[in-house]
Amino acid sequence: MNASLLYRFKSRRFAGLLLAERLLRLEEEPNAIVLALPRGGVPVGYEIARALHLALDVFQVRKLGVPGHEELAMGAIGSGGGRYLNREVIDALHISQDEIESVTKREKAELERRERLYRNNRPRRALGGKIAIVVDDGVATGSSMFAAIETLRSERVERIVVAVPVGPIETCERIAAMADELICLRMPEPFYAVGTWYERFEQVDDDEVNALLADAEKRSVP
């Protein structure tokens, strides 16, 4: 086994605790909020919010898959209407604007469904002027995180801090250029995939997301 694989995170929640240690300066910061990308980012964000006594919310992002090859991202959309398009992929595969809009429309409907599911009638928080700590369980291509950053910029947040346990160097460099700050605990090469760097990487289901959000809401600062 590659020696670097011995240094894996025990779980998403354990990784969240490690990230919280790097964010201690924001403990009880009244202007800060943890925004977790569902589903995998929610257990990570839950532990950060709990450790730092901050509010937790979900920030919805949906990948825009290439038609016929949906596992390949040509971009992503986020809560509030932001959209990131990977022009290198789009141009290389000659994807038309009509195809882009069709995929966007479909994924927007799913994003809105998940907004209703996870918010449980809770209103979406106003983010203007906030310090947004944007969390996921890792990044690979970065499309989802890019969309989140673009959307948050349009909402005029004060500062964007991206906090992830793991990601490839090239993607992390691009995120660092877009965000105000990046905290990435590990940038292994070769990268393989996010799940490679966890001992436990079970799928996070909607029930777990809702349970963590409900518990965070009970402890949430105003």
Protein backbone atom coordinates (compact mmCIF):
# COMPACT_ATOMS: atom_id res chain seq x y z
CA MET A 1 0.00 0.00 0.00
CA ASN A 2 1.09 3.56 -0.74
CA ALA A 3 2.44 4.96 2.53
CA SER A 4 0.35 8.12 2.12
CA LEU A 5 -2.82 6.04 2.30
CA LEU A 6 -1.99 5.29 5.92
CA TYR A 7 -2.83 8.92 6.70
CA ARG A 8 -6.54 8.79 6.02
CA PHE A 9 -9.32 10.51 7.95
CA LYS A 10 -11.32 8.21 10.21
CA SER A 11 -14.63 9.71 9.07
CA ARG A 12 -16.20 12.90 7.80
CA ARG A 13 -17.04 14.05 11.32
CA PHE A 14 -13.47 13.42 12.49
CA ALA A 15 -12.23 15.50 9.55
CA GLY A 16 -14.60 18.28 10.65
CA LEU A 17 -13.01 18.33 14.10
CA LEU A 18 -9.56 18.70 12.54
CA LEU A 19 -10.76 21.57 10.37
CA ALA A 20 -12.33 23.27 13.41
CA GLU A 21 -8.87 23.42 15.00
CA ARG A 22 -7.71 25.49 12.03
CA LEU A 23 -10.68 27.84 12.37
CA LEU A 24 -10.50 28.63 16.09
CA ARG A 25 -10.06 32.35 15.40
CA LEU A 26 -13.71 32.35 14.26
CA GLU A 27 -15.08 30.71 17.41
CA GLU A 28 -18.31 32.43 18.47
CA GLU A 29 -17.77 35.03 15.71
CA PRO A 30 -21.29 36.55 15.43
CA ASN A 31 -20.84 37.36 11.76
CA ALA A 32 -19.72 33.86 10.68
CA ILE A 33 -21.83 30.96 9.43
CA VAL A 34 -20.92 27.44 8.34
CA LEU A 35 -22.38 26.53 4.94
CA ALA A 36 -22.15 22.81 4.17
CA LEU A 37 -22.48 21.37 0.69
CA PRO A 38 -24.87 18.41 0.91
CA ARG A 39 -24.78 15.72 1.38
CA GLY A 40 -21.21 14.75 2.24
CA GLY A 41 -20.25 18.17 3.54
CA VAL A 42 -22.96 18.24 6.21
CA PRO A 43 -21.29 15.87 8.74
CA VAL A 44 -18.05 17.82 8.30
CA GLY A 45 -19.78 21.17 8.70
CA TYR A 46 -21.80 19.93 11.68
CA GLU A 47 -18.65 19.27 13.70
CA ILE A 48 -17.11 22.61 12.71
CA ALA A 49 -20.26 24.50 13.71
CA ARG A 50 -20.57 22.59 16.99
CA ALA A 51 -16.94 23.09 17.95
CA LEU A 52 -16.94 26.81 17.12
CA HIS A 53 -20.48 27.55 18.37
CA LEU A 54 -21.60 28.82 14.97
CA ALA A 55 -24.79 28.50 12.98
CA LEU A 56 -24.95 25.74 10.35
CA ASP A 57 -26.90 25.79 7.10
CA VAL A 58 -26.83 23.86 3.87
CA PHE A 59 -25.71 25.47 0.64
CA GLN A 60 -27.18 23.62 -2.29
CA VAL A 61 -25.02 22.91 -5.33
CA ARG A 62 -25.85 20.63 -8.25
CA LYS A 63 -23.36 19.33 -10.80
CA LEU A 64 -24.15 19.92 -14.46
CA GLY A 65 -23.23 16.64 -16.12
CA VAL A 66 -22.21 16.35 -19.77
CA PRO A 67 -25.17 14.93 -21.75
CA GLY A 68 -24.60 11.21 -22.20
CA HIS A 69 -21.64 11.28 -19.80
CA GLU A 70 -23.27 12.66 -16.67
CA GLU A 71 -20.39 11.65 -14.40
CA LEU A 72 -18.26 14.31 -16.14
CA ALA A 73 -19.02 17.82 -14.89
CA MET A 74 -19.31 20.69 -17.34
CA GLY A 75 -20.21 23.02 -14.48
CA ALA A 76 -22.54 23.41 -11.53
CA ILE A 77 -25.32 25.60 -10.14
CA GLY A 78 -25.84 26.83 -6.60
CA SER A 79 -28.51 28.18 -4.26
CA GLY A 80 -29.53 31.69 -5.17
CA GLY A 81 -29.07 31.19 -8.91
CA GLY A 82 -25.29 31.18 -9.35
CA ARG A 83 -23.84 29.05 -12.13
CA TYR A 84 -20.28 27.98 -12.91
CA LEU A 85 -19.46 26.65 -16.38
CA ASN A 86 -16.26 24.80 -17.22
CA ARG A 87 -15.55 26.28 -20.65
CA GLU A 88 -12.64 23.92 -21.28
CA VAL A 89 -14.97 20.90 -21.08
CA ILE A 90 -17.79 22.64 -22.97
CA ASP A 91 -15.57 23.77 -25.83
CA ALA A 92 -13.66 20.49 -26.07
CA LEU A 93 -16.88 18.47 -26.34
CA HIS A 94 -18.73 21.03 -28.50
CA ILE A 95 -21.67 21.21 -26.09
CA SER A 96 -24.33 23.58 -27.37
CA GLN A 97 -25.98 26.37 -25.40
CA ASP A 98 -29.33 24.59 -25.74
CA GLU A 99 -27.84 21.47 -24.13
CA ILE A 100 -26.37 23.55 -21.31
CA GLU A 101 -29.72 25.22 -20.63
CA SER A 102 -31.59 21.90 -20.73
CA VAL A 103 -29.28 20.32 -18.16
CA THR A 104 -29.40 23.48 -16.04
CA LYS A 105 -33.21 23.45 -16.01
CA ARG A 106 -33.32 19.80 -14.90
CA GLU A 107 -30.74 20.24 -12.16
CA LYS A 108 -32.37 23.46 -10.96
CA ALA A 109 -35.60 21.52 -10.35
CA GLU A 110 -33.68 18.96 -8.28
CA LEU A 111 -31.87 21.71 -6.39
CA GLU A 112 -35.20 23.33 -5.49
CA ARG A 113 -36.59 19.95 -4.36
CA ARG A 114 -33.64 19.48 -2.02
CA GLU A 115 -34.01 23.02 -0.72
CA ARG A 116 -37.53 22.15 0.39
CA LEU A 117 -36.43 18.78 1.78
CA TYR A 118 -33.51 20.02 3.86
CA ARG A 119 -34.93 23.34 5.02
CA ASN A 120 -38.17 21.86 6.38
CA ASN A 121 -39.92 25.22 5.97
CA ARG A 122 -37.01 27.14 7.50
CA PRO A 123 -36.34 30.33 5.52
CA ARG A 124 -33.06 30.66 3.70
CA ARG A 125 -30.66 32.76 5.75
CA ALA A 126 -29.61 36.18 4.51
CA LEU A 127 -25.90 35.94 3.78
CA GLY A 128 -25.03 39.51 2.87
CA GLY A 129 -22.13 40.77 4.96
CA LYS A 130 -21.45 37.34 6.49
CA ILE A 131 -18.19 35.44 6.81
CA ALA A 132 -19.13 32.27 4.94
CA ILE A 133 -17.22 29.12 5.91
CA VAL A 134 -17.97 26.83 2.97
CA VAL A 135 -17.44 23.16 3.74
CA ASP A 136 -17.40 19.87 1.84
CA ASP A 137 -15.93 16.44 2.55
CA GLY A 138 -13.34 17.01 -0.16
CA VAL A 139 -12.93 18.39 -3.67
CA ALA A 140 -11.96 16.64 -6.89
CA THR A 141 -12.68 18.72 -10.02
CA GLY A 142 -13.95 21.55 -7.81
CA SER A 143 -17.03 22.36 -9.93
CA SER A 144 -19.43 22.32 -6.98
CA MET A 145 -17.18 24.54 -4.90
CA PHE A 146 -16.63 26.95 -7.78
CA ALA A 147 -20.42 27.31 -8.16
CA ALA A 148 -20.82 27.90 -4.43
CA ILE A 149 -18.18 30.64 -4.48
CA GLU A 150 -19.68 32.34 -7.53
CA THR A 151 -23.12 32.33 -5.92
CA LEU A 152 -21.87 33.69 -2.61
CA ARG A 153 -20.04 36.50 -4.38
CA SER A 154 -23.34 37.54 -5.94
CA GLU A 155 -24.88 37.64 -2.44
CA ARG A 156 -22.22 40.09 -1.27
CA VAL A 157 -20.81 38.09 1.59
CA GLU A 158 -18.00 39.80 3.46
CA ARG A 159 -15.53 36.92 3.19
CA ILE A 160 -15.44 33.37 1.83
CA VAL A 161 -13.39 30.78 3.71
CA VAL A 162 -13.35 27.37 2.02
CA ALA A 163 -12.59 24.50 4.41
CA VAL A 164 -12.13 20.98 3.08
CA PRO A 165 -10.22 17.96 4.37
CA VAL A 166 -8.66 16.91 1.08
CA GLY A 167 -8.23 17.81 -2.58
CA PRO A 168 -5.74 17.69 -5.45
CA ILE A 169 -3.16 20.47 -5.59
CA GLU A 170 -4.33 21.95 -8.91
CA THR A 171 -7.98 22.18 -7.82
CA CYS A 172 -7.03 23.67 -4.46
CA GLU A 173 -4.89 26.31 -6.14
CA ARG A 174 -7.87 27.35 -8.29
CA ILE A 175 -10.16 27.50 -5.26
CA ALA A 176 -7.61 29.55 -3.34
CA ALA A 177 -7.55 32.04 -6.22
CA MET A 178 -11.36 32.39 -6.14
CA ALA A 179 -12.00 32.39 -2.38
CA ASP A 180 -10.62 34.76 0.24
CA GLU A 181 -9.05 31.86 2.12
CA LEU A 182 -8.62 28.13 1.65
CA ILE A 183 -7.98 25.57 4.36
CA CYS A 184 -7.25 22.15 2.89
CA LEU A 185 -5.68 19.70 5.31
CA ARG A 186 -4.20 17.35 2.71
CA MET A 187 -3.32 17.70 -0.97
CA PRO A 188 -2.01 14.25 -1.92
CA GLU A 189 -0.50 13.38 -5.27
CA PRO A 190 -1.63 11.24 -6.93
CA PHE A 191 -5.09 12.15 -5.71
CA TYR A 192 -7.30 9.23 -6.92
CA ALA A 193 -10.69 10.25 -5.40
CA VAL A 194 -12.10 11.91 -2.26
CA GLY A 195 -13.25 8.62 -0.74
CA THR A 196 -9.73 7.18 -1.00
CA TRP A 197 -8.65 9.40 1.87
CA TYR A 198 -11.21 8.18 4.39
CA GLU A 199 -11.31 4.99 6.41
CA ARG A 200 -15.10 5.28 6.52
CA PHE A 201 -16.87 6.91 3.59
CA GLU A 202 -20.45 5.65 3.67
CA GLN A 203 -23.06 7.44 1.62
CA VAL A 204 -24.75 10.24 3.55
CA ASP A 205 -28.54 9.99 3.15
CA ASP A 206 -31.24 12.62 3.49
CA ASP A 207 -32.29 11.39 6.94
CA GLU A 208 -28.79 11.93 8.30
CA VAL A 209 -28.60 15.40 6.75
CA ASN A 210 -31.94 16.39 8.26
CA ALA A 211 -31.04 14.99 11.68
CA LEU A 212 -27.76 16.92 11.80
CA LEU A 213 -29.39 20.13 10.62
CA ALA A 214 -32.20 19.79 13.17
CA ASP A 215 -29.71 19.25 16.00
CA ALA A 216 -27.62 22.21 14.83
CA GLU A 217 -30.73 24.38 14.72
CA LYS A 218 -31.39 23.67 18.41
CA ARG A 219 -27.94 24.98 19.29
CA SER A 220 -27.83 27.72 16.69
CA VAL A 221 -26.80 31.22 17.63
CA PRO A 222 -29.28 33.91 16.55
